[in-house]
Amino acid sequence: MTTTKIRATVRERGREIKAKSSASIVRRLEDFDNLSGEGVHDGSVLVYLESQEKWLPTTVLNKQNVDGGEF
């Protein structure tokens, strides 16, 4: 996830435009406020836990409805 912020100053007299930009990149699960990286291992998926208002890693899916369709 990349967040870019740009600040600009425009002055009419000298027709001068100054711009400063900065970008921040989130690289780890711990960098997100509503994600927990604890307990992540091979095969984990993120599941939203409404009671904690967080995404948690798990290998157990017990509240999902899966419709495989007809074959």
PDB file of N, CA and C in Angstrom:
ATOM      1  N   MET A   1       0.846  -1.167   0.000  1.00  0.00           N
ATOM      2  CA  MET A   1       0.000   0.000   0.000  1.00  0.00           C
ATOM      3  C   MET A   1       0.892   1.231   0.000  1.00  0.00           C
ATOM      4  N   THR A   2       0.658   2.114  -0.907  1.00  0.00           N
ATOM      5  CA  THR A   2       1.441   3.334  -0.991  1.00  0.00           C
ATOM      6  C   THR A   2       0.531   4.526  -0.732  1.00  0.00           C
ATOM      7  N   THR A   3       0.982   5.403   0.134  1.00  0.00           N
ATOM      8  CA  THR A   3       0.253   6.630   0.408  1.00  0.00           C
ATOM      9  C   THR A   3       1.117   7.783  -0.044  1.00  0.00           C
ATOM     10  N   THR A   4       0.568   8.633  -0.894  1.00  0.00           N
ATOM     11  CA  THR A   4       1.327   9.772  -1.384  1.00  0.00           C
ATOM     12  C   THR A   4       0.643  11.052  -0.954  1.00  0.00           C
ATOM     13  N   LYS A   5       1.406  11.937  -0.377  1.00  0.00           N
ATOM     14  CA  LYS A   5       0.897  13.243   0.012  1.00  0.00           C
ATOM     15  C   LYS A   5       1.662  14.292  -0.754  1.00  0.00           C
ATOM     16  N   ILE A   6       0.952  15.249  -1.302  1.00  0.00           N
ATOM     17  CA  ILE A   6       1.596  16.324  -2.044  1.00  0.00           C
ATOM     18  C   ILE A   6       1.143  17.652  -1.459  1.00  0.00           C
ATOM     19  N   ARG A   7       2.107  18.500  -1.137  1.00  0.00           N
ATOM     20  CA  ARG A   7       1.810  19.855  -0.680  1.00  0.00           C
ATOM     21  C   ARG A   7       2.259  20.809  -1.763  1.00  0.00           C
ATOM     22  N   ALA A   8       1.437  21.781  -2.046  1.00  0.00           N
ATOM     23  CA  ALA A   8       1.799  22.746  -3.089  1.00  0.00           C
ATOM     24  C   ALA A   8       1.521  24.157  -2.608  1.00  0.00           C
ATOM     25  N   THR A   9       2.392  25.076  -3.017  1.00  0.00           N
ATOM     26  CA  THR A   9       2.209  26.490  -2.740  1.00  0.00           C
ATOM     27  C   THR A   9       2.226  27.219  -4.072  1.00  0.00           C
ATOM     28  N   VAL A  10       1.198  28.004  -4.313  1.00  0.00           N
ATOM     29  CA  VAL A  10       1.125  28.748  -5.573  1.00  0.00           C
ATOM     30  C   VAL A  10       1.134  30.231  -5.241  1.00  0.00           C
ATOM     31  N   ARG A  11       2.058  30.949  -5.873  1.00  0.00           N
ATOM     32  CA  ARG A  11       2.137  32.401  -5.672  1.00  0.00           C
ATOM     33  C   ARG A  11       1.962  33.073  -7.017  1.00  0.00           C
ATOM     34  N   GLU A  12       1.056  34.009  -7.071  1.00  0.00           N
ATOM     35  CA  GLU A  12       0.732  34.657  -8.339  1.00  0.00           C
ATOM     36  C   GLU A  12       1.826  35.616  -8.795  1.00  0.00           C
ATOM     37  N   ARG A  13       2.452  36.315  -7.863  1.00  0.00           N
ATOM     38  CA  ARG A  13       3.414  37.337  -8.259  1.00  0.00           C
ATOM     39  C   ARG A  13       4.513  36.795  -9.162  1.00  0.00           C
ATOM     40  N   GLY A  14       5.197  35.802  -8.701  1.00  0.00           N
ATOM     41  CA  GLY A  14       6.327  35.317  -9.480  1.00  0.00           C
ATOM     42  C   GLY A  14       5.970  34.096 -10.307  1.00  0.00           C
ATOM     43  N   ARG A  15       4.681  33.775 -10.334  1.00  0.00           N
ATOM     44  CA  ARG A  15       4.231  32.562 -11.025  1.00  0.00           C
ATOM     45  C   ARG A  15       5.078  31.378 -10.605  1.00  0.00           C
ATOM     46  N   GLU A  16       5.188  31.255  -9.321  1.00  0.00           N
ATOM     47  CA  GLU A  16       6.051  30.240  -8.736  1.00  0.00           C
ATOM     48  C   GLU A  16       5.198  29.132  -8.146  1.00  0.00           C
ATOM     49  N   ILE A  17       5.566  27.915  -8.413  1.00  0.00           N
ATOM     50  CA  ILE A  17       4.876  26.767  -7.831  1.00  0.00           C
ATOM     51  C   ILE A  17       5.916  25.906  -7.130  1.00  0.00           C
ATOM     52  N   LYS A  18       5.665  25.654  -5.871  1.00  0.00           N
ATOM     53  CA  LYS A  18       6.538  24.778  -5.109  1.00  0.00           C
ATOM     54  C   LYS A  18       5.725  23.552  -4.720  1.00  0.00           C
ATOM     55  N   ALA A  19       6.280  22.402  -4.890  1.00  0.00           N
ATOM     56  CA  ALA A  19       5.597  21.163  -4.516  1.00  0.00           C
ATOM     57  C   ALA A  19       6.553  20.248  -3.780  1.00  0.00           C
ATOM     58  N   LYS A  20       6.069  19.687  -2.706  1.00  0.00           N
ATOM     59  CA  LYS A  20       6.833  18.697  -1.960  1.00  0.00           C
ATOM     60  C   LYS A  20       5.960  17.449  -1.885  1.00  0.00           C
ATOM     61  N   SER A  21       6.536  16.315  -2.115  1.00  0.00           N
ATOM     62  CA  SER A  21       5.767  15.080  -1.990  1.00  0.00           C
ATOM     63  C   SER A  21       6.524  14.096  -1.123  1.00  0.00           C
ATOM     64  N   SER A  22       5.765  13.236  -0.496  1.00  0.00           N
ATOM     65  CA  SER A  22       6.363  12.170   0.299  1.00  0.00           C
ATOM     66  C   SER A  22       5.500  10.932   0.145  1.00  0.00           C
ATOM     67  N   ALA A  23       6.123   9.798   0.136  1.00  0.00           N
ATOM     68  CA  ALA A  23       5.396   8.542   0.005  1.00  0.00           C
ATOM     69  C   ALA A  23       5.795   7.626   1.150  1.00  0.00           C
ATOM     70  N   SER A  24       4.825   6.902   1.657  1.00  0.00           N
ATOM     71  CA  SER A  24       5.125   5.905   2.674  1.00  0.00           C
ATOM     72  C   SER A  24       4.570   4.568   2.202  1.00  0.00           C
ATOM     73  N   ILE A  25       5.339   3.528   2.437  1.00  0.00           N
ATOM     74  CA  ILE A  25       4.956   2.196   1.979  1.00  0.00           C
ATOM     75  C   ILE A  25       4.842   1.280   3.194  1.00  0.00           C
ATOM     76  N   VAL A  26       3.724   0.586   3.269  1.00  0.00           N
ATOM     77  CA  VAL A  26       3.528  -0.382   4.342  1.00  0.00           C
ATOM     78  C   VAL A  26       4.062  -1.717   3.846  1.00  0.00           C
ATOM     79  N   ARG A  27       4.947  -2.316   4.601  1.00  0.00           N
ATOM     80  CA  ARG A  27       5.605  -3.538   4.159  1.00  0.00           C
ATOM     81  C   ARG A  27       5.330  -4.742   5.045  1.00  0.00           C
ATOM     82  N   ARG A  28       4.877  -4.526   6.254  1.00  0.00           N
ATOM     83  CA  ARG A  28       4.663  -5.628   7.190  1.00  0.00           C
ATOM     84  C   ARG A  28       3.244  -5.569   7.732  1.00  0.00           C
ATOM     85  N   LEU A  29       2.712  -6.703   8.117  1.00  0.00           N
ATOM     86  CA  LEU A  29       1.371  -6.726   8.696  1.00  0.00           C
ATOM     87  C   LEU A  29       1.298  -5.849   9.939  1.00  0.00           C
ATOM     88  N   GLU A  30       2.369  -5.814  10.699  1.00  0.00           N
ATOM     89  CA  GLU A  30       2.394  -5.031  11.937  1.00  0.00           C
ATOM     90  C   GLU A  30       2.278  -3.532  11.683  1.00  0.00           C
ATOM     91  N   ASP A  31       2.526  -3.094  10.449  1.00  0.00           N
ATOM     92  CA  ASP A  31       2.443  -1.678  10.118  1.00  0.00           C
ATOM     93  C   ASP A  31       0.994  -1.198  10.014  1.00  0.00           C
ATOM     94  N   PHE A  32       0.049  -2.123   9.897  1.00  0.00           N
ATOM     95  CA  PHE A  32      -1.363  -1.758   9.840  1.00  0.00           C
ATOM     96  C   PHE A  32      -1.939  -1.745  11.252  1.00  0.00           C
ATOM     97  N   ASP A  33      -2.813  -0.796  11.541  1.00  0.00           N
ATOM     98  CA  ASP A  33      -3.394  -0.690  12.873  1.00  0.00           C
ATOM     99  C   ASP A  33      -4.396  -1.804  13.175  1.00  0.00           C
ATOM    100  N   ASN A  34      -5.095  -2.292  12.157  1.00  0.00           N
ATOM    101  CA  ASN A  34      -6.161  -3.259  12.420  1.00  0.00           C
ATOM    102  C   ASN A  34      -5.811  -4.671  11.945  1.00  0.00           C
ATOM    103  N   LEU A  35      -4.518  -4.977  11.873  1.00  0.00           N
ATOM    104  CA  LEU A  35      -4.064  -6.322  11.506  1.00  0.00           C
ATOM    105  C   LEU A  35      -3.145  -6.855  12.577  1.00  0.00           C
ATOM    106  N   SER A  36      -3.249  -8.137  12.840  1.00  0.00           N
ATOM    107  CA  SER A  36      -2.329  -8.773  13.770  1.00  0.00           C
ATOM    108  C   SER A  36      -1.454  -9.734  12.985  1.00  0.00           C
ATOM    109  N   GLY A  37      -0.156  -9.638  13.152  1.00  0.00           N
ATOM    110  CA  GLY A  37       0.765 -10.532  12.484  1.00  0.00           C
ATOM    111  C   GLY A  37       1.156 -11.717  13.346  1.00  0.00           C
ATOM    112  N   GLU A  38       0.612 -11.776  14.563  1.00  0.00           N
ATOM    113  CA  GLU A  38       0.939 -12.867  15.476  1.00  0.00           C
ATOM    114  C   GLU A  38       0.302 -14.169  15.000  1.00  0.00           C
ATOM    115  N   GLY A  39       1.064 -15.228  15.005  1.00  0.00           N
ATOM    116  CA  GLY A  39       0.533 -16.529  14.648  1.00  0.00           C
ATOM    117  C   GLY A  39       0.483 -16.807  13.156  1.00  0.00           C
ATOM    118  N   VAL A  40       1.190 -16.022  12.354  1.00  0.00           N
ATOM    119  CA  VAL A  40       1.204 -16.240  10.909  1.00  0.00           C
ATOM    120  C   VAL A  40       2.136 -17.397  10.592  1.00  0.00           C
ATOM    121  N   HIS A  41       1.620 -18.379   9.851  1.00  0.00           N
ATOM    122  CA  HIS A  41       2.473 -19.437   9.335  1.00  0.00           C
ATOM    123  C   HIS A  41       1.962 -19.882   7.975  1.00  0.00           C
ATOM    124  N   ASP A  42       2.690 -20.768   7.351  1.00  0.00           N
ATOM    125  CA  ASP A  42       2.403 -21.211   5.999  1.00  0.00           C
ATOM    126  C   ASP A  42       0.946 -21.662   5.875  1.00  0.00           C
ATOM    127  N   GLY A  43       0.232 -21.112   4.916  1.00  0.00           N
ATOM    128  CA  GLY A  43      -1.165 -21.465   4.687  1.00  0.00           C
ATOM    129  C   GLY A  43      -2.164 -20.572   5.395  1.00  0.00           C
ATOM    130  N   SER A  44      -1.690 -19.602   6.167  1.00  0.00           N
ATOM    131  CA  SER A  44      -2.602 -18.702   6.896  1.00  0.00           C
ATOM    132  C   SER A  44      -3.335 -17.771   5.948  1.00  0.00           C
ATOM    133  N   VAL A  45      -4.558 -17.432   6.320  1.00  0.00           N
ATOM    134  CA  VAL A  45      -5.342 -16.413   5.622  1.00  0.00           C
ATOM    135  C   VAL A  45      -5.813 -15.402   6.666  1.00  0.00           C
ATOM    136  N   LEU A  46      -6.107 -14.188   6.216  1.00  0.00           N
ATOM    137  CA  LEU A  46      -6.613 -13.168   7.134  1.00  0.00           C
ATOM    138  C   LEU A  46      -8.126 -13.245   7.196  1.00  0.00           C
ATOM    139  N   VAL A  47      -8.656 -13.262   8.419  1.00  0.00           N
ATOM    140  CA  VAL A  47     -10.097 -13.311   8.654  1.00  0.00           C
ATOM    141  C   VAL A  47     -10.445 -12.145   9.560  1.00  0.00           C
ATOM    142  N   TYR A  48     -11.520 -11.424   9.201  1.00  0.00           N
ATOM    143  CA  TYR A  48     -11.939 -10.271   9.995  1.00  0.00           C
ATOM    144  C   TYR A  48     -12.747 -10.742  11.190  1.00  0.00           C
ATOM    145  N   LEU A  49     -12.347 -10.338  12.386  1.00  0.00           N
ATOM    146  CA  LEU A  49     -13.046 -10.671  13.613  1.00  0.00           C
ATOM    147  C   LEU A  49     -13.772  -9.421  14.082  1.00  0.00           C
ATOM    148  N   GLU A  50     -15.087  -9.397  13.878  1.00  0.00           N
ATOM    149  CA  GLU A  50     -15.882  -8.206  14.150  1.00  0.00           C
ATOM    150  C   GLU A  50     -15.811  -7.776  15.610  1.00  0.00           C
ATOM    151  N   SER A  51     -15.777  -8.730  16.532  1.00  0.00           N
ATOM    152  CA  SER A  51     -15.746  -8.390  17.958  1.00  0.00           C
ATOM    153  C   SER A  51     -14.488  -7.623  18.346  1.00  0.00           C
ATOM    154  N   GLN A  52     -13.380  -7.869  17.660  1.00  0.00           N
ATOM    155  CA  GLN A  52     -12.123  -7.164  17.942  1.00  0.00           C
ATOM    156  C   GLN A  52     -11.834  -6.056  16.943  1.00  0.00           C
ATOM    157  N   GLU A  53     -12.656  -5.986  15.880  1.00  0.00           N
ATOM    158  CA  GLU A  53     -12.447  -5.035  14.798  1.00  0.00           C
ATOM    159  C   GLU A  53     -11.036  -5.127  14.233  1.00  0.00           C
ATOM    160  N   LYS A  54     -10.576  -6.373  14.031  1.00  0.00           N
ATOM    161  CA  LYS A  54      -9.233  -6.621  13.516  1.00  0.00           C
ATOM    162  C   LYS A  54      -9.249  -7.785  12.543  1.00  0.00           C
ATOM    163  N   TRP A  55      -8.235  -7.814  11.680  1.00  0.00           N
ATOM    164  CA  TRP A  55      -7.963  -8.936  10.798  1.00  0.00           C
ATOM    165  C   TRP A  55      -6.948  -9.812  11.505  1.00  0.00           C
ATOM    166  N   LEU A  56      -7.253 -11.093  11.632  1.00  0.00           N
ATOM    167  CA  LEU A  56      -6.367 -12.019  12.311  1.00  0.00           C
ATOM    168  C   LEU A  56      -5.996 -13.172  11.387  1.00  0.00           C
ATOM    169  N   PRO A  57      -4.750 -13.647  11.464  1.00  0.00           N
ATOM    170  CA  PRO A  57      -4.349 -14.788  10.633  1.00  0.00           C
ATOM    171  C   PRO A  57      -4.868 -16.092  11.239  1.00  0.00           C
ATOM    172  N   THR A  58      -5.295 -17.008  10.378  1.00  0.00           N
ATOM    173  CA  THR A  58      -5.771 -18.307  10.840  1.00  0.00           C
ATOM    174  C   THR A  58      -5.660 -19.317   9.710  1.00  0.00           C
ATOM    175  N   THR A  59      -5.676 -20.572  10.072  1.00  0.00           N
ATOM    176  CA  THR A  59      -5.755 -21.641   9.080  1.00  0.00           C
ATOM    177  C   THR A  59      -7.088 -22.365   9.205  1.00  0.00           C
ATOM    178  N   VAL A  60      -7.944 -21.896  10.132  1.00  0.00           N
ATOM    179  CA  VAL A  60      -9.252 -22.505  10.361  1.00  0.00           C
ATOM    180  C   VAL A  60     -10.332 -21.530   9.903  1.00  0.00           C
ATOM    181  N   LEU A  61     -11.181 -21.980   8.995  1.00  0.00           N
ATOM    182  CA  LEU A  61     -12.305 -21.167   8.530  1.00  0.00           C
ATOM    183  C   LEU A  61     -13.588 -21.831   9.021  1.00  0.00           C
ATOM    184  N   ASN A  62     -14.235 -21.232  10.017  1.00  0.00           N
ATOM    185  CA  ASN A  62     -15.418 -21.869  10.581  1.00  0.00           C
ATOM    186  C   ASN A  62     -16.703 -21.058  10.455  1.00  0.00           C
ATOM    187  N   LYS A  63     -16.670 -19.895   9.831  1.00  0.00           N
ATOM    188  CA  LYS A  63     -17.877 -19.089   9.671  1.00  0.00           C
ATOM    189  C   LYS A  63     -18.157 -18.756   8.213  1.00  0.00           C
ATOM    190  N   GLN A  64     -17.482 -19.431   7.292  1.00  0.00           N
ATOM    191  CA  GLN A  64     -17.621 -19.113   5.890  1.00  0.00           C
ATOM    192  C   GLN A  64     -18.660 -20.026   5.232  1.00  0.00           C
ATOM    193  N   ASN A  65     -19.383 -19.481   4.280  1.00  0.00           N
ATOM    194  CA  ASN A  65     -20.300 -20.250   3.458  1.00  0.00           C
ATOM    195  C   ASN A  65     -19.657 -20.389   2.084  1.00  0.00           C
ATOM    196  N   VAL A  66     -19.495 -21.621   1.647  1.00  0.00           N
ATOM    197  CA  VAL A  66     -18.876 -21.874   0.357  1.00  0.00           C
ATOM    198  C   VAL A  66     -19.878 -22.587  -0.539  1.00  0.00           C
ATOM    199  N   ASP A  67     -20.102 -22.009  -1.709  1.00  0.00           N
ATOM    200  CA  ASP A  67     -20.976 -22.622  -2.693  1.00  0.00           C
ATOM    201  C   ASP A  67     -20.114 -23.044  -3.863  1.00  0.00           C
ATOM    202  N   GLY A  68     -19.907 -24.328  -4.018  1.00  0.00           N
ATOM    203  CA  GLY A  68     -19.070 -24.835  -5.085  1.00  0.00           C
ATOM    204  C   GLY A  68     -19.765 -24.930  -6.422  1.00  0.00           C
ATOM    205  N   GLY A  69     -21.046 -24.610  -6.478  1.00  0.00           N
ATOM    206  CA  GLY A  69     -21.790 -24.653  -7.722  1.00  0.00           C
ATOM    207  C   GLY A  69     -22.124 -26.084  -8.119  1.00  0.00           C
ATOM    208  N   GLU A  70     -22.506 -26.260  -9.353  1.00  0.00           N
ATOM    209  CA  GLU A  70     -22.862 -27.582  -9.857  1.00  0.00           C
ATOM    210  C   GLU A  70     -21.902 -27.971 -10.972  1.00  0.00           C
ATOM    211  N   PHE A  71     -21.494 -29.219 -10.955  1.00  0.00           N
ATOM    212  CA  PHE A  71     -20.572 -29.714 -11.968  1.00  0.00           C
ATOM    213  C   PHE A  71     -21.126 -30.940 -12.630  1.00  0.00           C
TER     214      PHE A  71
END
